[in-house]
N, C-alpha and C. Protein backbone atom coordinates (compact mmCIF):
# COMPACT_ATOMS: atom_id res chain seq x y z
N UNK A 1 0.83 -1.19 0.00
CA UNK A 1 0.00 0.00 0.00
C UNK A 1 0.87 1.25 -0.01
N UNK A 2 0.31 2.33 -0.43
CA UNK A 2 0.98 3.61 -0.38
C UNK A 2 0.16 4.57 0.48
N UNK A 3 0.85 5.39 1.24
CA UNK A 3 0.17 6.38 2.09
C UNK A 3 1.06 7.61 2.19
N UNK A 4 0.44 8.76 2.39
CA UNK A 4 1.18 10.01 2.46
C UNK A 4 1.69 10.27 3.86
N UNK A 5 2.93 10.75 3.96
CA UNK A 5 3.48 11.28 5.21
C UNK A 5 3.79 12.76 4.97
N UNK A 6 3.34 13.60 5.87
CA UNK A 6 3.62 15.03 5.77
C UNK A 6 4.80 15.36 6.68
N UNK A 7 5.81 16.02 6.13
CA UNK A 7 6.98 16.44 6.90
C UNK A 7 6.94 17.97 7.05
N UNK A 8 7.04 18.44 8.26
CA UNK A 8 7.09 19.88 8.51
C UNK A 8 8.53 20.36 8.49
N UNK A 9 8.77 21.47 7.82
CA UNK A 9 10.15 21.97 7.73
C UNK A 9 10.66 22.43 9.08
N UNK A 10 9.78 22.93 9.94
CA UNK A 10 10.16 23.36 11.28
C UNK A 10 9.23 22.71 12.30
N UNK A 11 9.74 22.32 13.48
CA UNK A 11 8.87 21.77 14.51
C UNK A 11 8.11 22.90 15.22
N UNK A 12 7.12 22.52 16.01
CA UNK A 12 6.49 23.50 16.88
C UNK A 12 5.02 23.73 16.64
N UNK A 13 4.49 24.70 17.39
CA UNK A 13 3.05 24.90 17.49
C UNK A 13 2.41 25.44 16.22
N UNK A 14 3.19 26.00 15.31
CA UNK A 14 2.62 26.48 14.05
C UNK A 14 2.04 25.33 13.21
N UNK A 15 2.41 24.11 13.54
CA UNK A 15 1.92 22.93 12.82
C UNK A 15 0.69 22.30 13.46
N UNK A 16 0.19 22.87 14.54
CA UNK A 16 -0.86 22.22 15.32
C UNK A 16 -2.13 21.99 14.51
N UNK A 17 -2.61 23.02 13.86
CA UNK A 17 -3.86 22.88 13.11
C UNK A 17 -3.75 21.78 12.05
N UNK A 18 -2.67 21.79 11.30
CA UNK A 18 -2.49 20.78 10.25
C UNK A 18 -2.35 19.38 10.85
N UNK A 19 -1.63 19.27 11.96
CA UNK A 19 -1.45 17.97 12.59
C UNK A 19 -2.78 17.41 13.07
N UNK A 20 -3.59 18.23 13.70
CA UNK A 20 -4.90 17.76 14.16
C UNK A 20 -5.78 17.35 12.99
N UNK A 21 -5.73 18.10 11.91
CA UNK A 21 -6.52 17.77 10.73
C UNK A 21 -6.08 16.43 10.13
N UNK A 22 -4.78 16.25 9.98
CA UNK A 22 -4.25 15.01 9.41
C UNK A 22 -4.58 13.82 10.30
N UNK A 23 -4.50 14.02 11.62
CA UNK A 23 -4.80 12.93 12.56
C UNK A 23 -6.26 12.50 12.43
N UNK A 24 -7.16 13.46 12.31
CA UNK A 24 -8.57 13.14 12.18
C UNK A 24 -8.85 12.42 10.86
N UNK A 25 -8.24 12.89 9.78
CA UNK A 25 -8.43 12.25 8.48
C UNK A 25 -7.98 10.79 8.52
N UNK A 26 -6.83 10.53 9.15
CA UNK A 26 -6.35 9.15 9.19
C UNK A 26 -7.20 8.29 10.11
N UNK A 27 -7.65 8.85 11.23
CA UNK A 27 -8.54 8.10 12.12
C UNK A 27 -9.81 7.68 11.38
N UNK A 28 -10.40 8.60 10.64
CA UNK A 28 -11.61 8.27 9.87
C UNK A 28 -11.31 7.22 8.81
N UNK A 29 -10.18 7.33 8.14
CA UNK A 29 -9.83 6.39 7.08
C UNK A 29 -9.62 4.98 7.63
N UNK A 30 -9.17 4.88 8.88
CA UNK A 30 -8.88 3.57 9.48
C UNK A 30 -10.00 3.08 10.40
N UNK A 31 -11.05 3.86 10.55
CA UNK A 31 -12.13 3.46 11.44
C UNK A 31 -11.76 3.53 12.90
N UNK A 32 -10.80 4.40 13.24
CA UNK A 32 -10.32 4.54 14.61
C UNK A 32 -11.19 5.56 15.33
N UNK A 33 -11.53 5.26 16.59
CA UNK A 33 -12.46 6.11 17.33
C UNK A 33 -11.79 6.87 18.48
N UNK A 34 -10.51 6.62 18.74
CA UNK A 34 -9.82 7.31 19.84
C UNK A 34 -8.54 7.97 19.34
N UNK A 35 -8.32 9.19 19.80
CA UNK A 35 -7.06 9.89 19.56
C UNK A 35 -6.44 10.22 20.91
N UNK A 36 -5.24 9.72 21.15
CA UNK A 36 -4.49 10.01 22.37
C UNK A 36 -3.67 11.27 22.10
N UNK A 37 -3.81 12.27 22.98
CA UNK A 37 -3.27 13.59 22.70
C UNK A 37 -2.48 14.13 23.88
N UNK A 38 -1.24 14.55 23.64
CA UNK A 38 -0.45 15.22 24.66
C UNK A 38 -0.88 16.67 24.77
N UNK A 39 -1.10 17.14 26.01
CA UNK A 39 -1.47 18.54 26.22
C UNK A 39 -1.04 18.95 27.61
N UNK A 40 -0.06 19.83 27.69
CA UNK A 40 0.49 20.24 28.98
C UNK A 40 -0.33 21.33 29.63
N UNK A 41 -0.65 22.36 28.86
CA UNK A 41 -1.37 23.52 29.41
C UNK A 41 -2.83 23.58 28.99
N UNK A 42 -3.26 22.61 28.19
CA UNK A 42 -4.65 22.55 27.77
C UNK A 42 -4.93 23.12 26.40
N UNK A 43 -3.94 23.81 25.80
CA UNK A 43 -4.19 24.45 24.50
C UNK A 43 -4.49 23.41 23.41
N UNK A 44 -3.68 22.36 23.33
CA UNK A 44 -3.92 21.32 22.32
C UNK A 44 -5.27 20.65 22.54
N UNK A 45 -5.59 20.37 23.80
CA UNK A 45 -6.83 19.68 24.12
C UNK A 45 -8.04 20.53 23.76
N UNK A 46 -7.97 21.81 24.10
CA UNK A 46 -9.08 22.71 23.81
C UNK A 46 -9.33 22.82 22.30
N UNK A 47 -8.24 22.98 21.54
CA UNK A 47 -8.36 23.11 20.10
C UNK A 47 -8.86 21.81 19.46
N UNK A 48 -8.33 20.68 19.92
CA UNK A 48 -8.75 19.39 19.36
C UNK A 48 -10.24 19.14 19.62
N UNK A 49 -10.71 19.48 20.82
CA UNK A 49 -12.12 19.30 21.13
C UNK A 49 -13.01 20.14 20.20
N UNK A 50 -12.54 21.34 19.88
CA UNK A 50 -13.29 22.20 18.95
C UNK A 50 -13.29 21.59 17.54
N UNK A 51 -12.13 21.17 17.08
CA UNK A 51 -12.00 20.67 15.71
C UNK A 51 -12.67 19.31 15.52
N UNK A 52 -12.74 18.51 16.59
CA UNK A 52 -13.29 17.15 16.45
C UNK A 52 -14.75 17.06 16.87
N UNK A 53 -15.35 18.17 17.22
CA UNK A 53 -16.75 18.15 17.65
C UNK A 53 -17.63 17.56 16.55
N UNK A 54 -18.47 16.60 16.93
CA UNK A 54 -19.37 15.97 15.99
C UNK A 54 -18.76 14.88 15.14
N UNK A 55 -17.48 14.58 15.34
CA UNK A 55 -16.79 13.58 14.52
C UNK A 55 -16.94 12.16 15.05
N UNK A 56 -17.38 12.01 16.30
CA UNK A 56 -17.44 10.69 16.92
C UNK A 56 -16.13 10.24 17.52
N UNK A 57 -15.12 11.10 17.49
CA UNK A 57 -13.81 10.78 18.05
C UNK A 57 -13.79 11.09 19.53
N UNK A 58 -13.27 10.16 20.33
CA UNK A 58 -13.02 10.40 21.75
C UNK A 58 -11.55 10.76 21.92
N UNK A 59 -11.29 11.86 22.59
CA UNK A 59 -9.91 12.29 22.83
C UNK A 59 -9.48 11.84 24.22
N UNK A 60 -8.35 11.17 24.30
CA UNK A 60 -7.72 10.81 25.57
C UNK A 60 -6.57 11.79 25.77
N UNK A 61 -6.77 12.76 26.63
CA UNK A 61 -5.79 13.81 26.85
C UNK A 61 -4.83 13.39 27.96
N UNK A 62 -3.54 13.45 27.67
CA UNK A 62 -2.51 13.08 28.64
C UNK A 62 -1.66 14.31 28.96
N UNK A 63 -1.87 14.96 30.12
CA UNK A 63 -0.99 16.06 30.53
C UNK A 63 0.26 15.53 31.23
N UNK A 64 1.12 16.45 31.68
CA UNK A 64 2.23 16.06 32.54
C UNK A 64 1.71 15.46 33.84
N UNK A 65 2.50 14.55 34.41
CA UNK A 65 2.13 14.03 35.72
C UNK A 65 2.27 15.13 36.77
N UNK A 66 1.60 14.96 37.87
CA UNK A 66 1.74 15.91 38.97
C UNK A 66 3.17 15.87 39.50
N UNK A 67 3.71 17.05 39.81
CA UNK A 67 5.06 17.14 40.36
C UNK A 67 6.15 17.26 39.33
N UNK A 68 5.79 17.35 38.03
CA UNK A 68 6.81 17.42 36.98
C UNK A 68 6.97 18.86 36.52
N UNK A 69 8.17 19.41 36.64
CA UNK A 69 8.47 20.74 36.12
C UNK A 69 7.76 21.86 36.84
N UNK A 70 8.14 23.08 36.55
CA UNK A 70 7.52 24.29 37.09
C UNK A 70 7.31 24.19 38.60
N UNK A 71 8.33 23.75 39.31
CA UNK A 71 8.28 23.62 40.77
C UNK A 71 7.11 22.74 41.23
N UNK A 72 6.79 21.75 40.42
CA UNK A 72 5.74 20.81 40.81
C UNK A 72 4.33 21.27 40.56
N UNK A 73 4.15 22.42 39.93
CA UNK A 73 2.82 22.95 39.68
C UNK A 73 2.18 22.25 38.49
N UNK A 74 0.91 21.85 38.64
CA UNK A 74 0.17 21.26 37.54
C UNK A 74 -0.36 22.38 36.64
N UNK A 75 0.01 22.35 35.36
CA UNK A 75 -0.31 23.43 34.44
C UNK A 75 -1.64 23.23 33.71
N UNK A 76 -2.17 22.02 33.75
CA UNK A 76 -3.42 21.76 33.02
C UNK A 76 -4.60 22.32 33.82
N UNK A 77 -5.44 23.17 33.24
CA UNK A 77 -6.51 23.84 34.00
C UNK A 77 -7.58 22.87 34.49
N UNK A 78 -7.92 22.95 35.76
CA UNK A 78 -8.93 22.06 36.32
C UNK A 78 -10.29 22.25 35.65
N UNK A 79 -10.63 23.49 35.33
CA UNK A 79 -11.94 23.73 34.72
C UNK A 79 -12.05 23.11 33.34
N UNK A 80 -10.92 22.97 32.65
CA UNK A 80 -10.93 22.35 31.33
C UNK A 80 -11.19 20.85 31.43
N UNK A 81 -10.75 20.24 32.51
CA UNK A 81 -11.02 18.81 32.71
C UNK A 81 -12.52 18.58 32.71
N UNK A 82 -13.23 19.35 33.49
CA UNK A 82 -14.69 19.21 33.57
C UNK A 82 -15.33 19.45 32.21
N UNK A 83 -14.88 20.47 31.51
CA UNK A 83 -15.43 20.81 30.20
C UNK A 83 -15.23 19.67 29.20
N UNK A 84 -14.01 19.14 29.13
CA UNK A 84 -13.71 18.08 28.17
C UNK A 84 -14.49 16.81 28.49
N UNK A 85 -14.55 16.45 29.76
CA UNK A 85 -15.20 15.20 30.13
C UNK A 85 -16.72 15.30 29.95
N UNK A 86 -17.27 16.51 30.03
CA UNK A 86 -18.70 16.69 29.74
C UNK A 86 -18.99 16.48 28.26
N UNK A 87 -17.96 16.59 27.43
CA UNK A 87 -18.10 16.37 26.00
C UNK A 87 -17.80 14.93 25.59
N UNK A 88 -17.51 14.08 26.58
CA UNK A 88 -17.24 12.68 26.29
C UNK A 88 -15.78 12.32 26.13
N UNK A 89 -14.90 13.30 26.35
CA UNK A 89 -13.47 13.02 26.28
C UNK A 89 -12.95 12.64 27.68
N UNK A 90 -11.65 12.37 27.78
CA UNK A 90 -11.06 11.97 29.04
C UNK A 90 -9.72 12.66 29.23
N UNK A 91 -9.50 13.19 30.43
CA UNK A 91 -8.20 13.73 30.81
C UNK A 91 -7.62 12.78 31.84
N UNK A 92 -6.44 12.22 31.53
CA UNK A 92 -5.89 11.18 32.39
C UNK A 92 -4.46 11.53 32.79
N UNK A 93 -4.21 11.59 34.08
CA UNK A 93 -2.89 11.88 34.63
C UNK A 93 -2.22 10.57 35.03
N UNK A 94 -1.00 10.38 34.57
CA UNK A 94 -0.30 9.13 34.87
C UNK A 94 1.20 9.40 34.98
N UNK A 95 1.93 8.40 35.41
CA UNK A 95 3.38 8.52 35.55
C UNK A 95 4.04 8.65 34.18
N UNK A 96 4.89 9.64 34.04
CA UNK A 96 5.63 9.84 32.79
C UNK A 96 6.80 8.85 32.78
N UNK A 97 6.64 7.80 32.01
CA UNK A 97 7.50 6.62 32.13
C UNK A 97 8.94 6.87 31.70
N UNK A 98 9.17 7.85 30.82
CA UNK A 98 10.53 8.11 30.35
C UNK A 98 11.24 9.18 31.16
N UNK A 99 10.70 9.49 32.35
CA UNK A 99 11.31 10.48 33.24
C UNK A 99 11.43 9.93 34.65
N UNK A 100 11.90 8.69 34.76
CA UNK A 100 11.93 8.03 36.07
C UNK A 100 13.33 7.63 36.50
N UNK A 101 14.35 8.34 35.99
CA UNK A 101 15.72 7.96 36.34
C UNK A 101 15.97 8.01 37.84
N UNK A 102 15.52 9.07 38.49
CA UNK A 102 15.78 9.22 39.92
C UNK A 102 15.07 8.15 40.73
N UNK A 103 13.89 7.77 40.29
CA UNK A 103 13.12 6.76 41.02
C UNK A 103 13.69 5.36 40.78
N UNK A 104 14.02 5.04 39.52
CA UNK A 104 14.47 3.69 39.19
C UNK A 104 15.97 3.50 39.40
N UNK A 105 16.72 4.60 39.39
CA UNK A 105 18.15 4.50 39.62
C UNK A 105 18.94 3.97 38.44
N UNK A 106 18.34 3.96 37.25
CA UNK A 106 19.06 3.52 36.05
C UNK A 106 18.83 4.55 34.94
N UNK A 107 19.60 4.41 33.87
CA UNK A 107 19.44 5.28 32.71
C UNK A 107 18.62 4.63 31.60
N UNK A 108 17.94 3.52 31.90
CA UNK A 108 17.19 2.78 30.88
C UNK A 108 16.11 3.64 30.26
N UNK A 109 15.35 4.35 31.09
CA UNK A 109 14.26 5.15 30.53
C UNK A 109 14.80 6.29 29.68
N UNK A 110 15.92 6.86 30.08
CA UNK A 110 16.52 7.93 29.29
C UNK A 110 17.01 7.40 27.95
N UNK A 111 17.56 6.18 27.95
CA UNK A 111 18.03 5.58 26.71
C UNK A 111 16.86 5.33 25.75
N UNK A 112 15.75 4.82 26.29
CA UNK A 112 14.57 4.60 25.45
C UNK A 112 14.09 5.91 24.84
N UNK A 113 14.05 6.94 25.68
CA UNK A 113 13.59 8.25 25.20
C UNK A 113 14.52 8.77 24.11
N UNK A 114 15.81 8.65 24.30
CA UNK A 114 16.77 9.18 23.32
C UNK A 114 16.70 8.42 21.99
N UNK A 115 16.45 7.13 22.04
CA UNK A 115 16.29 6.36 20.80
C UNK A 115 15.09 6.87 20.02
N UNK A 116 13.98 7.09 20.73
CA UNK A 116 12.78 7.58 20.05
C UNK A 116 12.97 9.01 19.53
N UNK A 117 13.80 9.79 20.21
CA UNK A 117 14.06 11.16 19.74
C UNK A 117 14.85 11.19 18.44
N UNK A 118 15.45 10.07 18.04
CA UNK A 118 16.13 10.07 16.75
C UNK A 118 15.12 10.22 15.62
N UNK A 119 13.85 9.91 15.86
CA UNK A 119 12.78 10.22 14.91
C UNK A 119 12.37 11.67 15.05
N UNK A 120 12.10 12.10 16.27
CA UNK A 120 11.81 13.48 16.63
C UNK A 120 11.30 13.48 18.07
N UNK A 121 11.26 14.64 18.69
CA UNK A 121 10.78 14.73 20.07
C UNK A 121 9.34 14.24 20.18
N UNK A 122 8.53 14.58 19.20
CA UNK A 122 7.13 14.17 19.25
C UNK A 122 6.95 12.66 19.23
N UNK A 123 7.83 11.93 18.56
CA UNK A 123 7.72 10.48 18.53
C UNK A 123 7.95 9.89 19.92
N UNK A 124 8.91 10.44 20.63
CA UNK A 124 9.15 10.01 22.01
C UNK A 124 7.90 10.21 22.84
N UNK A 125 7.27 11.38 22.70
CA UNK A 125 6.09 11.68 23.50
C UNK A 125 4.92 10.79 23.07
N UNK A 126 4.78 10.52 21.78
CA UNK A 126 3.70 9.65 21.31
C UNK A 126 3.76 8.28 21.98
N UNK A 127 4.92 7.67 21.98
CA UNK A 127 5.05 6.33 22.58
C UNK A 127 4.81 6.41 24.09
N UNK A 128 5.35 7.43 24.73
CA UNK A 128 5.20 7.57 26.18
C UNK A 128 3.74 7.73 26.58
N UNK A 129 3.02 8.63 25.91
CA UNK A 129 1.63 8.85 26.33
C UNK A 129 0.74 7.69 25.96
N UNK A 130 1.09 6.95 24.92
CA UNK A 130 0.32 5.74 24.59
C UNK A 130 0.46 4.70 25.69
N UNK A 131 1.68 4.52 26.20
CA UNK A 131 1.89 3.61 27.33
C UNK A 131 1.13 4.08 28.56
N UNK A 132 1.17 5.38 28.82
CA UNK A 132 0.48 5.94 29.97
C UNK A 132 -1.02 5.72 29.87
N UNK A 133 -1.58 5.94 28.68
CA UNK A 133 -3.01 5.74 28.49
C UNK A 133 -3.41 4.28 28.66
N UNK A 134 -2.58 3.38 28.14
CA UNK A 134 -2.88 1.94 28.27
C UNK A 134 -2.74 1.47 29.71
N UNK A 135 -1.73 1.99 30.42
CA UNK A 135 -1.57 1.60 31.83
C UNK A 135 -2.81 1.94 32.65
N UNK A 136 -3.50 3.02 32.28
CA UNK A 136 -4.69 3.44 33.01
C UNK A 136 -5.99 2.91 32.44
N UNK A 137 -5.90 2.01 31.46
CA UNK A 137 -7.11 1.43 30.89
C UNK A 137 -7.90 2.36 29.99
N UNK A 138 -7.29 3.48 29.58
CA UNK A 138 -7.98 4.41 28.70
C UNK A 138 -7.99 3.93 27.25
N UNK A 139 -7.03 3.10 26.89
CA UNK A 139 -7.03 2.37 25.64
C UNK A 139 -6.69 0.92 25.98
N UNK A 140 -7.14 0.01 25.16
CA UNK A 140 -6.95 -1.40 25.45
C UNK A 140 -5.68 -1.95 24.79
N UNK A 141 -5.10 -2.97 25.39
CA UNK A 141 -3.97 -3.66 24.78
C UNK A 141 -4.41 -4.21 23.42
N UNK A 142 -3.64 -3.90 22.40
CA UNK A 142 -3.96 -4.35 21.05
C UNK A 142 -4.87 -3.42 20.28
N UNK A 143 -5.34 -2.34 20.90
CA UNK A 143 -6.23 -1.40 20.22
C UNK A 143 -5.44 -0.46 19.33
N UNK A 144 -5.93 -0.23 18.12
CA UNK A 144 -5.31 0.74 17.22
C UNK A 144 -5.87 2.13 17.50
N UNK A 145 -4.99 3.08 17.70
CA UNK A 145 -5.39 4.46 17.99
C UNK A 145 -4.49 5.40 17.20
N UNK A 146 -4.92 6.64 17.10
CA UNK A 146 -4.04 7.69 16.59
C UNK A 146 -3.47 8.43 17.79
N UNK A 147 -2.18 8.75 17.75
CA UNK A 147 -1.51 9.44 18.85
C UNK A 147 -0.91 10.73 18.30
N UNK A 148 -1.12 11.83 19.05
CA UNK A 148 -0.67 13.15 18.61
C UNK A 148 0.16 13.79 19.72
N UNK A 149 1.32 14.32 19.35
CA UNK A 149 2.19 15.00 20.33
C UNK A 149 2.97 16.09 19.59
N UNK A 150 3.93 16.69 20.29
CA UNK A 150 4.68 17.78 19.68
C UNK A 150 6.05 17.96 20.25
N UNK A 151 6.70 19.04 19.78
CA UNK A 151 8.04 19.40 20.24
C UNK A 151 7.93 20.66 21.10
N UNK A 152 7.71 20.47 22.38
CA UNK A 152 7.46 21.61 23.26
C UNK A 152 6.00 21.99 23.20
N UNK A 153 5.70 23.22 22.72
CA UNK A 153 4.33 23.69 22.62
C UNK A 153 3.69 23.22 21.31
N UNK A 154 2.37 23.01 21.35
CA UNK A 154 1.64 22.65 20.15
C UNK A 154 1.84 21.20 19.76
N UNK A 155 1.39 20.86 18.54
CA UNK A 155 1.50 19.48 18.03
C UNK A 155 2.14 19.51 16.65
N UNK A 156 3.02 18.55 16.40
CA UNK A 156 3.65 18.45 15.08
C UNK A 156 3.95 17.01 14.69
N UNK A 157 3.48 16.06 15.49
CA UNK A 157 3.75 14.64 15.22
C UNK A 157 2.48 13.84 15.44
N UNK A 158 2.16 12.94 14.51
CA UNK A 158 1.01 12.08 14.68
C UNK A 158 1.31 10.72 14.06
N UNK A 159 0.86 9.67 14.74
CA UNK A 159 1.09 8.31 14.27
C UNK A 159 -0.16 7.47 14.51
N UNK A 160 -0.25 6.36 13.79
CA UNK A 160 -1.19 5.30 14.13
C UNK A 160 -0.38 4.24 14.87
N UNK A 161 -0.90 3.76 15.99
CA UNK A 161 -0.13 2.81 16.79
C UNK A 161 -1.04 1.79 17.45
N UNK A 162 -0.47 0.65 17.75
CA UNK A 162 -1.17 -0.40 18.49
C UNK A 162 -0.73 -0.30 19.95
N UNK A 163 -1.71 -0.19 20.83
CA UNK A 163 -1.43 0.10 22.24
C UNK A 163 -1.01 -1.12 23.02
N UNK A 164 -0.21 -0.87 24.06
CA UNK A 164 0.14 -1.89 25.04
C UNK A 164 0.56 -1.17 26.31
N UNK A 165 0.58 -1.91 27.41
CA UNK A 165 0.99 -1.35 28.69
C UNK A 165 2.50 -1.41 28.83
N UNK A 166 3.01 -0.69 29.83
CA UNK A 166 4.46 -0.58 29.97
C UNK A 166 5.14 -1.89 30.31
N UNK A 167 4.42 -2.82 30.93
CA UNK A 167 5.02 -4.12 31.21
C UNK A 167 5.00 -5.03 29.98
N UNK A 168 4.38 -4.53 28.90
CA UNK A 168 4.38 -5.27 27.63
C UNK A 168 4.82 -4.33 26.51
N UNK A 169 5.88 -3.59 26.79
CA UNK A 169 6.29 -2.52 25.87
C UNK A 169 6.66 -3.05 24.49
N UNK A 170 7.12 -4.29 24.40
CA UNK A 170 7.45 -4.84 23.08
C UNK A 170 6.22 -5.07 22.22
N UNK A 171 5.03 -4.98 22.81
CA UNK A 171 3.80 -5.13 22.04
C UNK A 171 3.28 -3.81 21.49
N UNK A 172 3.95 -2.70 21.82
CA UNK A 172 3.60 -1.42 21.20
C UNK A 172 4.16 -1.41 19.78
N UNK A 173 3.33 -1.01 18.84
CA UNK A 173 3.79 -0.92 17.45
C UNK A 173 3.30 0.39 16.83
N UNK A 174 4.23 1.16 16.31
CA UNK A 174 3.88 2.34 15.52
C UNK A 174 3.72 1.84 14.09
N UNK A 175 2.48 1.76 13.62
CA UNK A 175 2.21 1.16 12.31
C UNK A 175 2.24 2.17 11.17
N UNK A 176 1.94 3.43 11.46
CA UNK A 176 1.94 4.44 10.41
C UNK A 176 2.43 5.77 10.99
N UNK A 177 3.26 6.46 10.25
CA UNK A 177 3.61 7.85 10.58
C UNK A 177 2.72 8.74 9.72
N UNK A 178 1.96 9.60 10.36
CA UNK A 178 1.07 10.51 9.66
C UNK A 178 1.80 11.80 9.31
N UNK A 179 2.49 12.37 10.30
CA UNK A 179 3.28 13.58 10.07
C UNK A 179 4.32 13.71 11.15
N UNK A 180 5.37 14.44 10.86
CA UNK A 180 6.44 14.71 11.81
C UNK A 180 7.30 15.85 11.27
N UNK A 181 8.01 16.54 12.14
CA UNK A 181 8.97 17.55 11.66
C UNK A 181 10.23 16.89 11.10
N UNK A 182 10.84 17.54 10.13
CA UNK A 182 12.12 17.05 9.63
C UNK A 182 13.19 17.14 10.69
N UNK A 183 13.13 18.17 11.51
CA UNK A 183 14.16 18.37 12.54
C UNK A 183 14.00 17.35 13.64
N UNK A 184 15.06 16.61 13.92
CA UNK A 184 15.02 15.65 15.01
C UNK A 184 15.77 16.14 16.23
N UNK A 185 16.75 17.00 16.04
CA UNK A 185 17.52 17.55 17.15
C UNK A 185 17.77 19.03 16.88
N UNK A 186 18.29 19.72 17.87
CA UNK A 186 18.56 21.16 17.71
C UNK A 186 19.49 21.38 16.53
N UNK A 187 19.20 22.41 15.77
CA UNK A 187 20.06 22.73 14.63
C UNK A 187 19.43 22.46 13.29
N UNK A 188 18.29 21.78 13.27
CA UNK A 188 17.57 21.57 12.02
C UNK A 188 18.03 20.34 11.28
N UNK A 189 17.30 19.98 10.22
CA UNK A 189 17.62 18.78 9.45
C UNK A 189 18.87 18.97 8.59
N UNK A 190 19.56 17.91 8.26
CA UNK A 190 20.73 18.06 7.37
C UNK A 190 20.26 18.42 5.97
N UNK A 191 21.07 19.15 5.21
CA UNK A 191 20.69 19.48 3.84
C UNK A 191 20.77 18.24 2.97
N UNK A 192 20.03 18.24 1.84
CA UNK A 192 20.14 17.12 0.91
C UNK A 192 21.50 17.11 0.23
N UNK A 193 21.90 16.00 -0.36
CA UNK A 193 23.17 15.95 -1.11
C UNK A 193 23.18 17.01 -2.21
N UNK A 194 24.36 17.51 -2.57
CA UNK A 194 24.44 18.56 -3.61
C UNK A 194 23.73 18.14 -4.88
N UNK A 195 22.90 19.05 -5.38
CA UNK A 195 22.19 18.79 -6.63
C UNK A 195 20.96 17.91 -6.50
N UNK A 196 20.66 17.50 -5.31
CA UNK A 196 19.51 16.62 -5.10
C UNK A 196 18.50 17.30 -4.20
N UNK A 197 17.31 17.50 -4.69
CA UNK A 197 16.26 18.13 -3.91
C UNK A 197 15.57 17.08 -3.05
N UNK A 198 15.06 17.46 -1.88
CA UNK A 198 14.30 16.51 -1.08
C UNK A 198 13.12 15.97 -1.86
N UNK A 199 12.80 14.70 -1.67
CA UNK A 199 11.72 14.06 -2.40
C UNK A 199 10.45 13.93 -1.57
N UNK A 200 10.52 14.27 -0.29
CA UNK A 200 9.35 14.13 0.56
C UNK A 200 8.41 15.30 0.38
N UNK A 201 7.13 15.05 0.70
CA UNK A 201 6.19 16.14 0.71
C UNK A 201 6.40 16.94 1.99
N UNK A 202 6.47 18.27 1.86
CA UNK A 202 6.75 19.11 3.01
C UNK A 202 5.63 20.11 3.19
N UNK A 203 5.39 20.48 4.44
CA UNK A 203 4.40 21.50 4.76
C UNK A 203 5.07 22.61 5.55
């Protein structure tokens, strides 16, 4: 089969609208009813709820765990939780599995995160929040879902993936990349070879 992947020339929140649109289109094409979405301050969640209204899609919103960053302050607005859940969505707080070095005393979680970052920051977050959602029973083991995340603020990465819990991490499968930024690390993507233009579709 052939399918389109959209590559963004720059990462970040300017890609949010397009990422949400592409995620919804792929969910509809695959008959998927759940989109797992990273949202730290609620902006992604609020926008996704507006854009997906009437689509039949349930959004599983995964914010930062309590006690992470900003002196332990939870940045996701409490009033937005009530609003989203009244619309049939879910906001679920869980342990951020790739940030447990101090608790576990090993660098294993950091190594996993860094491997996923070779695709892009959003890919790392996509896998992490999918595990978090499955650990809490918000998606089922073996369920196909669309997962949306980003590089800092906003959204710029979306995938189709098969869910699993963290104790069955080898059963997680990213089956389709919907979109991602070309930049995987600070400094931007490498240039193409001399005389050769990039062949990917870019946005």
